[in-house]
Structure formats: C-alpha cells, structure tokens
C-alpha cells in the first residue's frame, strides 16, 4: 500500500521583528530555501530535539539536515 501524502495546514504567527529580519536575510543568502521550508525545518528541529517521537517529525528533521534541493 502506498503511503498517504502528508496533509498541510496554513499557519499564521507573530514573530519578533529581529527574528523576521534574520529569516529574510538568511533566505536572501540561500535562494534554494523558501520561507515554508525554513519554518518547517525549524519546527521539526524543535519538536525532535524536545522529545517528539512521531516518525513524520523525525523524517522532516533528518531531511532538513541532509537533503539538498
């Protein structure tokens, strides 16, 4: 049986201006990344490092470490 594609949701968040500026600067220096990939990677990193054992979270975490676009 083929795996079911992962569902996506829309997320809106307020972040400090300095953090947002850092994100914009990073994205302008790394054109292979976009804001969605960056936020997904950061969220998976946080969840994984704080004990989330969900296989999907682990896969996103590892993809952020090792996969290149």
C-alpha atoms as a PDB file:
ATOM      1  CA  UNK A   1       0.000   0.000   0.000  1.00  0.00           C
ATOM      2  CA  UNK A   2       1.382   3.431  -0.981  1.00  0.00           C
ATOM      3  CA  UNK A   3       1.859   5.996   1.812  1.00  0.00           C
ATOM      4  CA  UNK A   4      -0.761   8.713   2.086  1.00  0.00           C
ATOM      5  CA  UNK A   5       0.563  12.177   1.150  1.00  0.00           C
ATOM      6  CA  UNK A   6       1.096  14.429   4.161  1.00  0.00           C
ATOM      7  CA  UNK A   7      -1.615  16.992   4.777  1.00  0.00           C
ATOM      8  CA  UNK A   8      -0.726  20.669   5.049  1.00  0.00           C
ATOM      9  CA  UNK A   9      -2.268  23.440   7.089  1.00  0.00           C
ATOM     10  CA  UNK A  10      -1.933  27.176   6.927  1.00  0.00           C
ATOM     11  CA  UNK A  11      -0.151  28.725   9.899  1.00  0.00           C
ATOM     12  CA  UNK A  12      -0.086  32.352  10.948  1.00  0.00           C
ATOM     13  CA  UNK A  13       2.294  33.508  13.660  1.00  0.00           C
ATOM     14  CA  UNK A  14       3.651  36.743  15.049  1.00  0.00           C
ATOM     15  CA  UNK A  15       7.415  36.776  15.440  1.00  0.00           C
ATOM     16  CA  UNK A  16       9.748  39.446  16.789  1.00  0.00           C
ATOM     17  CA  UNK A  17      10.935  41.837  14.094  1.00  0.00           C
ATOM     18  CA  UNK A  18      14.600  40.932  14.655  1.00  0.00           C
ATOM     19  CA  UNK A  19      13.823  37.245  14.130  1.00  0.00           C
ATOM     20  CA  UNK A  20      11.888  38.065  10.966  1.00  0.00           C
ATOM     21  CA  UNK A  21      14.782  40.207   9.691  1.00  0.00           C
ATOM     22  CA  UNK A  22      17.168  37.317  10.355  1.00  0.00           C
ATOM     23  CA  UNK A  23      14.905  34.972   8.435  1.00  0.00           C
ATOM     24  CA  UNK A  24      14.708  37.372   5.465  1.00  0.00           C
ATOM     25  CA  UNK A  25      18.491  37.787   5.447  1.00  0.00           C
ATOM     26  CA  UNK A  26      19.029  34.026   5.565  1.00  0.00           C
ATOM     27  CA  UNK A  27      16.584  33.476   2.695  1.00  0.00           C
ATOM     28  CA  UNK A  28      18.204  36.170   0.564  1.00  0.00           C
ATOM     29  CA  UNK A  29      21.607  34.471   1.059  1.00  0.00           C
ATOM     30  CA  UNK A  30      20.241  30.941   0.450  1.00  0.00           C
ATOM     31  CA  UNK A  31      17.952  31.064  -2.615  1.00  0.00           C
ATOM     32  CA  UNK A  32      17.458  27.290  -2.508  1.00  0.00           C
ATOM     33  CA  UNK A  33      15.376  27.793   0.654  1.00  0.00           C
ATOM     34  CA  UNK A  34      11.963  29.433   0.931  1.00  0.00           C
ATOM     35  CA  UNK A  35      10.001  30.602   3.973  1.00  0.00           C
ATOM     36  CA  UNK A  36       7.914  27.416   4.056  1.00  0.00           C
ATOM     37  CA  UNK A  37      10.914  25.093   4.029  1.00  0.00           C
ATOM     38  CA  UNK A  38      12.657  27.215   6.660  1.00  0.00           C
ATOM     39  CA  UNK A  39       9.706  27.249   9.075  1.00  0.00           C
ATOM     40  CA  UNK A  40       9.002  23.533   8.541  1.00  0.00           C
ATOM     41  CA  UNK A  41      12.640  22.703   9.223  1.00  0.00           C
ATOM     42  CA  UNK A  42      12.768  24.898  12.332  1.00  0.00           C
ATOM     43  CA  UNK A  43       9.558  23.429  13.728  1.00  0.00           C
ATOM     44  CA  UNK A  44      10.654  19.831  13.066  1.00  0.00           C
ATOM     45  CA  UNK A  45      14.031  20.607  14.671  1.00  0.00           C
ATOM     46  CA  UNK A  46      12.367  21.988  17.800  1.00  0.00           C
ATOM     47  CA  UNK A  47       9.915  19.095  18.116  1.00  0.00           C
ATOM     48  CA  UNK A  48      12.546  16.406  17.521  1.00  0.00           C
ATOM     49  CA  UNK A  49      15.026  17.905  19.986  1.00  0.00           C
ATOM     50  CA  UNK A  50      12.294  18.191  22.611  1.00  0.00           C
ATOM     51  CA  UNK A  51      11.284  14.552  22.547  1.00  0.00           C
ATOM     52  CA  UNK A  52       8.641  14.216  19.827  1.00  0.00           C
ATOM     53  CA  UNK A  53       8.946  10.645  18.546  1.00  0.00           C
ATOM     54  CA  UNK A  54       6.491  10.932  15.626  1.00  0.00           C
ATOM     55  CA  UNK A  55       8.031   9.326  12.528  1.00  0.00           C
ATOM     56  CA  UNK A  56       6.913  12.190  10.263  1.00  0.00           C
ATOM     57  CA  UNK A  57       8.603  14.767  12.514  1.00  0.00           C
ATOM     58  CA  UNK A  58      11.786  12.673  12.559  1.00  0.00           C
ATOM     59  CA  UNK A  59      11.734  12.430   8.746  1.00  0.00           C
ATOM     60  CA  UNK A  60      11.333  16.213   8.355  1.00  0.00           C
ATOM     61  CA  UNK A  61      14.138  16.753  10.881  1.00  0.00           C
ATOM     62  CA  UNK A  62      16.515  14.440   9.010  1.00  0.00           C
ATOM     63  CA  UNK A  63      15.539  15.894   5.624  1.00  0.00           C
ATOM     64  CA  UNK A  64      16.426  19.349   6.936  1.00  0.00           C
ATOM     65  CA  UNK A  65      19.867  18.087   7.950  1.00  0.00           C
ATOM     66  CA  UNK A  66      20.822  16.027   4.938  1.00  0.00           C
ATOM     67  CA  UNK A  67      18.763  16.796   1.831  1.00  0.00           C
ATOM     68  CA  UNK A  68      19.819  19.433  -0.642  1.00  0.00           C
ATOM     69  CA  UNK A  69      17.318  20.926  -3.086  1.00  0.00           C
END
